Amino acid sequence: LVNEMDAATFERVLAPKLTGAMLLDELLPSLDLFVLFSSISAFWAPPGMSNYAAANAGLDALAQVRRARGQRALCIQWGPWENVGLHE
């Protein structure tokens, strides 16, 4: 749970997804398409996944920031898929 999670554990999940997207945003400002793949966990996360939820909410926010700057951005919030990935 979030109150039991240390900063390193939180960052280990957050950093690859959010930092990577922010670097792409910085390095590639004028793309025709900028598509991010988020998760419904930004709004609905199972217990113990606050770091994953924060990373996905960060992607959603990054897409909004790009659009506010007049740049193209879309963030797709995937929902659960039956019989694949985390939900097998």
PDB file of N, CA and C in Angstrom:
ATOM      1  N   LEU A   1       0.834  -1.185   0.000  1.00  0.00           N
ATOM      2  CA  LEU A   1       0.000   0.000   0.000  1.00  0.00           C
ATOM      3  C   LEU A   1       0.875   1.244   0.000  1.00  0.00           C
ATOM      4  N   VAL A   2       0.318   2.348  -0.404  1.00  0.00           N
ATOM      5  CA  VAL A   2       1.109   3.563  -0.577  1.00  0.00           C
ATOM      6  C   VAL A   2       1.806   3.993   0.716  1.00  0.00           C
ATOM      7  N   ASN A   3       1.168   3.836   1.833  1.00  0.00           N
ATOM      8  CA  ASN A   3       1.802   4.266   3.088  1.00  0.00           C
ATOM      9  C   ASN A   3       2.917   3.311   3.514  1.00  0.00           C
ATOM     10  N   GLU A   4       3.022   2.149   2.878  1.00  0.00           N
ATOM     11  CA  GLU A   4       4.086   1.196   3.170  1.00  0.00           C
ATOM     12  C   GLU A   4       5.156   1.166   2.078  1.00  0.00           C
ATOM     13  N   MET A   5       4.991   1.956   1.028  1.00  0.00           N
ATOM     14  CA  MET A   5       5.896   1.932  -0.119  1.00  0.00           C
ATOM     15  C   MET A   5       6.992   2.979   0.057  1.00  0.00           C
ATOM     16  N   ASP A   6       8.231   2.578  -0.144  1.00  0.00           N
ATOM     17  CA  ASP A   6       9.321   3.554  -0.060  1.00  0.00           C
ATOM     18  C   ASP A   6       9.484   4.259  -1.405  1.00  0.00           C
ATOM     19  N   ALA A   7      10.263   5.331  -1.413  1.00  0.00           N
ATOM     20  CA  ALA A   7      10.430   6.146  -2.619  1.00  0.00           C
ATOM     21  C   ALA A   7      11.051   5.351  -3.765  1.00  0.00           C
ATOM     22  N   ALA A   8      11.989   4.482  -3.460  1.00  0.00           N
ATOM     23  CA  ALA A   8      12.654   3.702  -4.510  1.00  0.00           C
ATOM     24  C   ALA A   8      11.670   2.764  -5.206  1.00  0.00           C
ATOM     25  N   THR A   9      10.803   2.140  -4.450  1.00  0.00           N
ATOM     26  CA  THR A   9       9.801   1.247  -5.023  1.00  0.00           C
ATOM     27  C   THR A   9       8.815   2.036  -5.871  1.00  0.00           C
ATOM     28  N   PHE A  10       8.399   3.177  -5.380  1.00  0.00           N
ATOM     29  CA  PHE A  10       7.476   4.035  -6.131  1.00  0.00           C
ATOM     30  C   PHE A  10       8.113   4.462  -7.450  1.00  0.00           C
ATOM     31  N   GLU A  11       9.346   4.927  -7.390  1.00  0.00           N
ATOM     32  CA  GLU A  11      10.057   5.434  -8.565  1.00  0.00           C
ATOM     33  C   GLU A  11      10.377   4.323  -9.566  1.00  0.00           C
ATOM     34  N   ARG A  12      10.618   3.132  -9.105  1.00  0.00           N
ATOM     35  CA  ARG A  12      10.980   2.014  -9.988  1.00  0.00           C
ATOM     36  C   ARG A  12       9.873   1.719 -11.006  1.00  0.00           C
ATOM     37  N   VAL A  13       8.646   1.935 -10.652  1.00  0.00           N
ATOM     38  CA  VAL A  13       7.531   1.715 -11.570  1.00  0.00           C
ATOM     39  C   VAL A  13       7.179   3.006 -12.312  1.00  0.00           C
ATOM     40  N   LEU A  14       7.221   4.127 -11.636  1.00  0.00           N
ATOM     41  CA  LEU A  14       6.845   5.408 -12.232  1.00  0.00           C
ATOM     42  C   LEU A  14       7.830   5.858 -13.306  1.00  0.00           C
ATOM     43  N   ALA A  15       9.115   5.781 -13.022  1.00  0.00           N
ATOM     44  CA  ALA A  15      10.145   6.373 -13.881  1.00  0.00           C
ATOM     45  C   ALA A  15      10.161   5.852 -15.319  1.00  0.00           C
ATOM     46  N   PRO A  16      10.163   4.556 -15.565  1.00  0.00           N
ATOM     47  CA  PRO A  16      10.267   4.114 -16.961  1.00  0.00           C
ATOM     48  C   PRO A  16       9.135   4.632 -17.839  1.00  0.00           C
ATOM     49  N   LYS A  17       7.948   4.622 -17.312  1.00  0.00           N
ATOM     50  CA  LYS A  17       6.785   5.026 -18.102  1.00  0.00           C
ATOM     51  C   LYS A  17       6.714   6.545 -18.245  1.00  0.00           C
ATOM     52  N   LEU A  18       6.764   7.266 -17.161  1.00  0.00           N
ATOM     53  CA  LEU A  18       6.562   8.714 -17.200  1.00  0.00           C
ATOM     54  C   LEU A  18       7.800   9.465 -17.659  1.00  0.00           C
ATOM     55  N   THR A  19       8.962   9.118 -17.149  1.00  0.00           N
ATOM     56  CA  THR A  19      10.189   9.811 -17.562  1.00  0.00           C
ATOM     57  C   THR A  19      10.459   9.572 -19.038  1.00  0.00           C
ATOM     58  N   GLY A  20      10.236   8.349 -19.492  1.00  0.00           N
ATOM     59  CA  GLY A  20      10.411   8.057 -20.918  1.00  0.00           C
ATOM     60  C   GLY A  20       9.509   8.912 -21.788  1.00  0.00           C
ATOM     61  N   ALA A  21       8.252   9.035 -21.416  1.00  0.00           N
ATOM     62  CA  ALA A  21       7.303   9.845 -22.182  1.00  0.00           C
ATOM     63  C   ALA A  21       7.681  11.325 -22.155  1.00  0.00           C
ATOM     64  N   MET A  22       8.146  11.794 -21.001  1.00  0.00           N
ATOM     65  CA  MET A  22       8.541  13.207 -20.899  1.00  0.00           C
ATOM     66  C   MET A  22       9.775  13.500 -21.750  1.00  0.00           C
ATOM     67  N   LEU A  23      10.704  12.559 -21.825  1.00  0.00           N
ATOM     68  CA  LEU A  23      11.876  12.744 -22.685  1.00  0.00           C
ATOM     69  C   LEU A  23      11.479  12.770 -24.152  1.00  0.00           C
ATOM     70  N   LEU A  24      10.579  11.883 -24.556  1.00  0.00           N
ATOM     71  CA  LEU A  24      10.095  11.904 -25.937  1.00  0.00           C
ATOM     72  C   LEU A  24       9.390  13.216 -26.250  1.00  0.00           C
ATOM     73  N   ASP A  25       8.603  13.703 -25.309  1.00  0.00           N
ATOM     74  CA  ASP A  25       7.923  14.990 -25.480  1.00  0.00           C
ATOM     75  C   ASP A  25       8.935  16.108 -25.709  1.00  0.00           C
ATOM     76  N   GLU A  26       9.991  16.102 -24.927  1.00  0.00           N
ATOM     77  CA  GLU A  26      11.015  17.144 -25.032  1.00  0.00           C
ATOM     78  C   GLU A  26      11.808  17.024 -26.336  1.00  0.00           C
ATOM     79  N   LEU A  27      12.159  15.814 -26.713  1.00  0.00           N
ATOM     80  CA  LEU A  27      13.016  15.605 -27.878  1.00  0.00           C
ATOM     81  C   LEU A  27      12.268  15.649 -29.207  1.00  0.00           C
ATOM     82  N   LEU A  28      10.968  15.402 -29.182  1.00  0.00           N
ATOM     83  CA  LEU A  28      10.176  15.314 -30.412  1.00  0.00           C
ATOM     84  C   LEU A  28       8.940  16.205 -30.323  1.00  0.00           C
ATOM     85  N   PRO A  29       9.122  17.513 -30.268  1.00  0.00           N
ATOM     86  CA  PRO A  29       7.983  18.407 -30.034  1.00  0.00           C
ATOM     87  C   PRO A  29       7.008  18.543 -31.204  1.00  0.00           C
ATOM     88  N   SER A  30       7.457  18.283 -32.425  1.00  0.00           N
ATOM     89  CA  SER A  30       6.577  18.581 -33.565  1.00  0.00           C
ATOM     90  C   SER A  30       6.214  17.333 -34.366  1.00  0.00           C
ATOM     91  N   LEU A  31       5.813  16.295 -33.684  1.00  0.00           N
ATOM     92  CA  LEU A  31       5.366  15.079 -34.361  1.00  0.00           C
ATOM     93  C   LEU A  31       3.955  15.246 -34.908  1.00  0.00           C
ATOM     94  N   ASP A  32       3.660  14.530 -35.980  1.00  0.00           N
ATOM     95  CA  ASP A  32       2.293  14.524 -36.494  1.00  0.00           C
ATOM     96  C   ASP A  32       1.366  13.783 -35.536  1.00  0.00           C
ATOM     97  N   LEU A  33       1.889  12.758 -34.878  1.00  0.00           N
ATOM     98  CA  LEU A  33       1.130  11.978 -33.906  1.00  0.00           C
ATOM     99  C   LEU A  33       1.994  11.746 -32.671  1.00  0.00           C
ATOM    100  N   PHE A  34       1.400  11.871 -31.523  1.00  0.00           N
ATOM    101  CA  PHE A  34       2.080  11.557 -30.261  1.00  0.00           C
ATOM    102  C   PHE A  34       1.066  10.777 -29.447  1.00  0.00           C
ATOM    103  N   VAL A  35       1.188   9.454 -29.451  1.00  0.00           N
ATOM    104  CA  VAL A  35       0.202   8.588 -28.812  1.00  0.00           C
ATOM    105  C   VAL A  35       0.821   7.923 -27.595  1.00  0.00           C
ATOM    106  N   LEU A  36       0.166   8.082 -26.481  1.00  0.00           N
ATOM    107  CA  LEU A  36       0.591   7.468 -25.224  1.00  0.00           C
ATOM    108  C   LEU A  36      -0.407   6.374 -24.858  1.00  0.00           C
ATOM    109  N   PHE A  37       0.093   5.316 -24.233  1.00  0.00           N
ATOM    110  CA  PHE A  37      -0.770   4.224 -23.812  1.00  0.00           C
ATOM    111  C   PHE A  37      -0.790   4.171 -22.296  1.00  0.00           C
ATOM    112  N   SER A  38      -1.911   4.560 -21.762  1.00  0.00           N
ATOM    113  CA  SER A  38      -2.129   4.636 -20.328  1.00  0.00           C
ATOM    114  C   SER A  38      -2.980   3.435 -19.912  1.00  0.00           C
ATOM    115  N   SER A  39      -3.491   3.482 -18.724  1.00  0.00           N
ATOM    116  CA  SER A  39      -4.315   2.394 -18.206  1.00  0.00           C
ATOM    117  C   SER A  39      -5.453   2.982 -17.389  1.00  0.00           C
ATOM    118  N   ILE A  40      -6.526   2.241 -17.329  1.00  0.00           N
ATOM    119  CA  ILE A  40      -7.650   2.661 -16.498  1.00  0.00           C
ATOM    120  C   ILE A  40      -7.228   2.783 -15.034  1.00  0.00           C
ATOM    121  N   SER A  41      -6.082   2.200 -14.703  1.00  0.00           N
ATOM    122  CA  SER A  41      -5.610   2.268 -13.312  1.00  0.00           C
ATOM    123  C   SER A  41      -5.275   3.694 -12.888  1.00  0.00           C
ATOM    124  N   ALA A  42      -5.200   4.626 -13.833  1.00  0.00           N
ATOM    125  CA  ALA A  42      -5.015   6.025 -13.453  1.00  0.00           C
ATOM    126  C   ALA A  42      -6.187   6.500 -12.604  1.00  0.00           C
ATOM    127  N   PHE A  43      -7.363   5.870 -12.800  1.00  0.00           N
ATOM    128  CA  PHE A  43      -8.556   6.225 -12.041  1.00  0.00           C
ATOM    129  C   PHE A  43      -9.003   5.121 -11.094  1.00  0.00           C
ATOM    130  N   TRP A  44      -8.681   3.885 -11.456  1.00  0.00           N
ATOM    131  CA  TRP A  44      -9.124   2.739 -10.676  1.00  0.00           C
ATOM    132  C   TRP A  44      -7.976   1.742 -10.582  1.00  0.00           C
ATOM    133  N   ALA A  45      -7.262   1.790  -9.506  1.00  0.00           N
ATOM    134  CA  ALA A  45      -6.109   0.894  -9.339  1.00  0.00           C
ATOM    135  C   ALA A  45      -6.351  -0.054  -8.172  1.00  0.00           C
ATOM    136  N   PRO A  46      -5.966  -1.301  -8.357  1.00  0.00           N
ATOM    137  CA  PRO A  46      -6.068  -2.241  -7.237  1.00  0.00           C
ATOM    138  C   PRO A  46      -5.128  -1.816  -6.103  1.00  0.00           C
ATOM    139  N   PRO A  47      -5.391  -2.239  -4.890  1.00  0.00           N
ATOM    140  CA  PRO A  47      -4.502  -1.915  -3.771  1.00  0.00           C
ATOM    141  C   PRO A  47      -3.066  -2.345  -4.078  1.00  0.00           C
ATOM    142  N   GLY A  48      -2.124  -1.516  -3.673  1.00  0.00           N
ATOM    143  CA  GLY A  48      -0.717  -1.822  -3.869  1.00  0.00           C
ATOM    144  C   GLY A  48      -0.151  -1.356  -5.196  1.00  0.00           C
ATOM    145  N   MET A  49      -0.937  -0.669  -5.993  1.00  0.00           N
ATOM    146  CA  MET A  49      -0.462  -0.223  -7.309  1.00  0.00           C
ATOM    147  C   MET A  49      -0.508   1.292  -7.464  1.00  0.00           C
ATOM    148  N   SER A  50      -0.298   2.005  -6.383  1.00  0.00           N
ATOM    149  CA  SER A  50      -0.346   3.469  -6.461  1.00  0.00           C
ATOM    150  C   SER A  50       0.739   4.013  -7.379  1.00  0.00           C
ATOM    151  N   ASN A  51       1.899   3.364  -7.441  1.00  0.00           N
ATOM    152  CA  ASN A  51       2.965   3.827  -8.317  1.00  0.00           C
ATOM    153  C   ASN A  51       2.575   3.659  -9.788  1.00  0.00           C
ATOM    154  N   TYR A  52       1.935   2.561 -10.117  1.00  0.00           N
ATOM    155  CA  TYR A  52       1.467   2.320 -11.472  1.00  0.00           C
ATOM    156  C   TYR A  52       0.346   3.302 -11.840  1.00  0.00           C
ATOM    157  N   ALA A  53      -0.554   3.550 -10.914  1.00  0.00           N
ATOM    158  CA  ALA A  53      -1.635   4.511 -11.145  1.00  0.00           C
ATOM    159  C   ALA A  53      -1.072   5.911 -11.368  1.00  0.00           C
ATOM    160  N   ALA A  54      -0.077   6.302 -10.584  1.00  0.00           N
ATOM    161  CA  ALA A  54       0.533   7.626 -10.735  1.00  0.00           C
ATOM    162  C   ALA A  54       1.222   7.772 -12.088  1.00  0.00           C
ATOM    163  N   ALA A  55       1.893   6.724 -12.533  1.00  0.00           N
ATOM    164  CA  ALA A  55       2.556   6.765 -13.838  1.00  0.00           C
ATOM    165  C   ALA A  55       1.545   6.966 -14.956  1.00  0.00           C
ATOM    166  N   ASN A  56       0.426   6.256 -14.881  1.00  0.00           N
ATOM    167  CA  ASN A  56      -0.606   6.384 -15.907  1.00  0.00           C
ATOM    168  C   ASN A  56      -1.301   7.740 -15.857  1.00  0.00           C
ATOM    169  N   ALA A  57      -1.548   8.249 -14.676  1.00  0.00           N
ATOM    170  CA  ALA A  57      -2.133   9.595 -14.554  1.00  0.00           C
ATOM    171  C   ALA A  57      -1.164  10.633 -15.121  1.00  0.00           C
ATOM    172  N   GLY A  58       0.126  10.408 -14.930  1.00  0.00           N
ATOM    173  CA  GLY A  58       1.138  11.310 -15.494  1.00  0.00           C
ATOM    174  C   GLY A  58       1.101  11.326 -17.012  1.00  0.00           C
ATOM    175  N   LEU A  59       0.886  10.170 -17.632  1.00  0.00           N
ATOM    176  CA  LEU A  59       0.771  10.129 -19.094  1.00  0.00           C
ATOM    177  C   LEU A  59      -0.458  10.902 -19.563  1.00  0.00           C
ATOM    178  N   ASP A  60      -1.559  10.735 -18.859  1.00  0.00           N
ATOM    179  CA  ASP A  60      -2.776  11.483 -19.197  1.00  0.00           C
ATOM    180  C   ASP A  60      -2.519  12.987 -19.112  1.00  0.00           C
ATOM    181  N   ALA A  61      -1.840  13.404 -18.058  1.00  0.00           N
ATOM    182  CA  ALA A  61      -1.528  14.824 -17.866  1.00  0.00           C
ATOM    183  C   ALA A  61      -0.586  15.336 -18.950  1.00  0.00           C
ATOM    184  N   LEU A  62       0.397  14.529 -19.323  1.00  0.00           N
ATOM    185  CA  LEU A  62       1.334  14.940 -20.376  1.00  0.00           C
ATOM    186  C   LEU A  62       0.605  15.183 -21.690  1.00  0.00           C
ATOM    187  N   ALA A  63      -0.347  14.332 -22.023  1.00  0.00           N
ATOM    188  CA  ALA A  63      -1.131  14.539 -23.244  1.00  0.00           C
ATOM    189  C   ALA A  63      -1.904  15.852 -23.171  1.00  0.00           C
ATOM    190  N   GLN A  64      -2.474  16.152 -22.014  1.00  0.00           N
ATOM    191  CA  GLN A  64      -3.202  17.416 -21.853  1.00  0.00           C
ATOM    192  C   GLN A  64      -2.268  18.615 -21.989  1.00  0.00           C
ATOM    193  N   VAL A  65      -1.079  18.519 -21.432  1.00  0.00           N
ATOM    194  CA  VAL A  65      -0.104  19.616 -21.523  1.00  0.00           C
ATOM    195  C   VAL A  65       0.300  19.841 -22.974  1.00  0.00           C
ATOM    196  N   ARG A  66       0.564  18.765 -23.698  1.00  0.00           N
ATOM    197  CA  ARG A  66       0.926  18.914 -25.119  1.00  0.00           C
ATOM    198  C   ARG A  66      -0.193  19.607 -25.895  1.00  0.00           C
ATOM    199  N   ARG A  67      -1.437  19.179 -25.678  1.00  0.00           N
ATOM    200  CA  ARG A  67      -2.552  19.810 -26.391  1.00  0.00           C
ATOM    201  C   ARG A  67      -2.687  21.282 -26.010  1.00  0.00           C
ATOM    202  N   ALA A  68      -2.463  21.618 -24.751  1.00  0.00           N
ATOM    203  CA  ALA A  68      -2.536  23.014 -24.308  1.00  0.00           C
ATOM    204  C   ALA A  68      -1.466  23.867 -24.982  1.00  0.00           C
ATOM    205  N   ARG A  69      -0.336  23.240 -25.340  1.00  0.00           N
ATOM    206  CA  ARG A  69       0.748  23.947 -26.043  1.00  0.00           C
ATOM    207  C   ARG A  69       0.511  23.990 -27.548  1.00  0.00           C
ATOM    208  N   GLY A  70      -0.598  23.424 -28.004  1.00  0.00           N
ATOM    209  CA  GLY A  70      -0.907  23.408 -29.432  1.00  0.00           C
ATOM    210  C   GLY A  70      -0.261  22.246 -30.167  1.00  0.00           C
ATOM    211  N   GLN A  71       0.238  21.262 -29.432  1.00  0.00           N
ATOM    212  CA  GLN A  71       0.855  20.088 -30.047  1.00  0.00           C
ATOM    213  C   GLN A  71      -0.147  18.945 -30.047  1.00  0.00           C
ATOM    214  N   ARG A  72       0.071  18.014 -30.943  1.00  0.00           N
ATOM    215  CA  ARG A  72      -0.823  16.861 -31.018  1.00  0.00           C
ATOM    216  C   ARG A  72      -0.478  15.857 -29.932  1.00  0.00           C
ATOM    217  N   ALA A  73      -1.512  15.278 -29.355  1.00  0.00           N
ATOM    218  CA  ALA A  73      -1.318  14.241 -28.335  1.00  0.00           C
ATOM    219  C   ALA A  73      -2.616  13.494 -28.105  1.00  0.00           C
ATOM    220  N   LEU A  74      -2.463  12.207 -27.882  1.00  0.00           N
ATOM    221  CA  LEU A  74      -3.587  11.350 -27.554  1.00  0.00           C
ATOM    222  C   LEU A  74      -3.100  10.351 -26.517  1.00  0.00           C
ATOM    223  N   CYS A  75      -3.878  10.141 -25.494  1.00  0.00           N
ATOM    224  CA  CYS A  75      -3.549   9.143 -24.479  1.00  0.00           C
ATOM    225  C   CYS A  75      -4.693   8.135 -24.421  1.00  0.00           C
ATOM    226  N   ILE A  76      -4.394   6.895 -24.742  1.00  0.00           N
ATOM    227  CA  ILE A  76      -5.393   5.828 -24.741  1.00  0.00           C
ATOM    228  C   ILE A  76      -5.333   5.117 -23.398  1.00  0.00           C
ATOM    229  N   GLN A  77      -6.444   5.104 -22.706  1.00  0.00           N
ATOM    230  CA  GLN A  77      -6.517   4.458 -21.393  1.00  0.00           C
ATOM    231  C   GLN A  77      -7.089   3.057 -21.560  1.00  0.00           C
ATOM    232  N   TRP A  78      -6.192   2.077 -21.630  1.00  0.00           N
ATOM    233  CA  TRP A  78      -6.613   0.700 -21.792  1.00  0.00           C
ATOM    234  C   TRP A  78      -7.348   0.206 -20.555  1.00  0.00           C
ATOM    235  N   GLY A  79      -8.331  -0.599 -20.770  1.00  0.00           N
ATOM    236  CA  GLY A  79      -9.025  -1.273 -19.680  1.00  0.00           C
ATOM    237  C   GLY A  79      -8.531  -2.704 -19.568  1.00  0.00           C
ATOM    238  N   PRO A  80      -9.107  -3.486 -18.688  1.00  0.00           N
ATOM    239  CA  PRO A  80      -8.690  -4.880 -18.542  1.00  0.00           C
ATOM    240  C   PRO A  80      -9.001  -5.691 -19.811  1.00  0.00           C
ATOM    241  N   TRP A  81      -8.092  -6.567 -20.150  1.00  0.00           N
ATOM    242  CA  TRP A  81      -8.297  -7.483 -21.270  1.00  0.00           C
ATOM    243  C   TRP A  81      -8.439  -8.881 -20.714  1.00  0.00           C
ATOM    244  N   GLU A  82      -9.361  -9.618 -21.207  1.00  0.00           N
ATOM    245  CA  GLU A  82      -9.580 -10.975 -20.731  1.00  0.00           C
ATOM    246  C   GLU A  82      -8.551 -11.932 -21.326  1.00  0.00           C
ATOM    247  N   ASN A  83      -7.976 -12.784 -20.486  1.00  0.00           N
ATOM    248  CA  ASN A  83      -7.045 -13.842 -20.887  1.00  0.00           C
ATOM    249  C   ASN A  83      -5.719 -13.366 -21.463  1.00  0.00           C
ATOM    250  N   VAL A  84      -5.292 -12.148 -21.144  1.00  0.00           N
ATOM    251  CA  VAL A  84      -3.967 -11.683 -21.580  1.00  0.00           C
ATOM    252  C   VAL A  84      -3.340 -10.846 -20.476  1.00  0.00           C
ATOM    253  N   GLY A  85      -2.040 -10.704 -20.530  1.00  0.00           N
ATOM    254  CA  GLY A  85      -1.312  -9.799 -19.637  1.00  0.00           C
ATOM    255  C   GLY A  85      -1.559 -10.054 -18.177  1.00  0.00           C
ATOM    256  N   LEU A  86      -1.825  -8.994 -17.443  1.00  0.00           N
ATOM    257  CA  LEU A  86      -1.992  -9.062 -15.999  1.00  0.00           C
ATOM    258  C   LEU A  86      -3.255  -9.804 -15.584  1.00  0.00           C
ATOM    259  N   HIS A  87      -4.176 -10.000 -16.499  1.00  0.00           N
ATOM    260  CA  HIS A  87      -5.487 -10.556 -16.149  1.00  0.00           C
ATOM    261  C   HIS A  87      -5.682 -11.984 -16.641  1.00  0.00           C
ATOM    262  N   GLU A  88      -4.598 -12.750 -16.782  1.00  0.00           N
ATOM    263  CA  GLU A  88      -4.728 -14.148 -17.227  1.00  0.00           C
ATOM    264  C   GLU A  88      -5.258 -15.010 -16.119  1.00  0.00           C
TER     265      GLU A  88
END
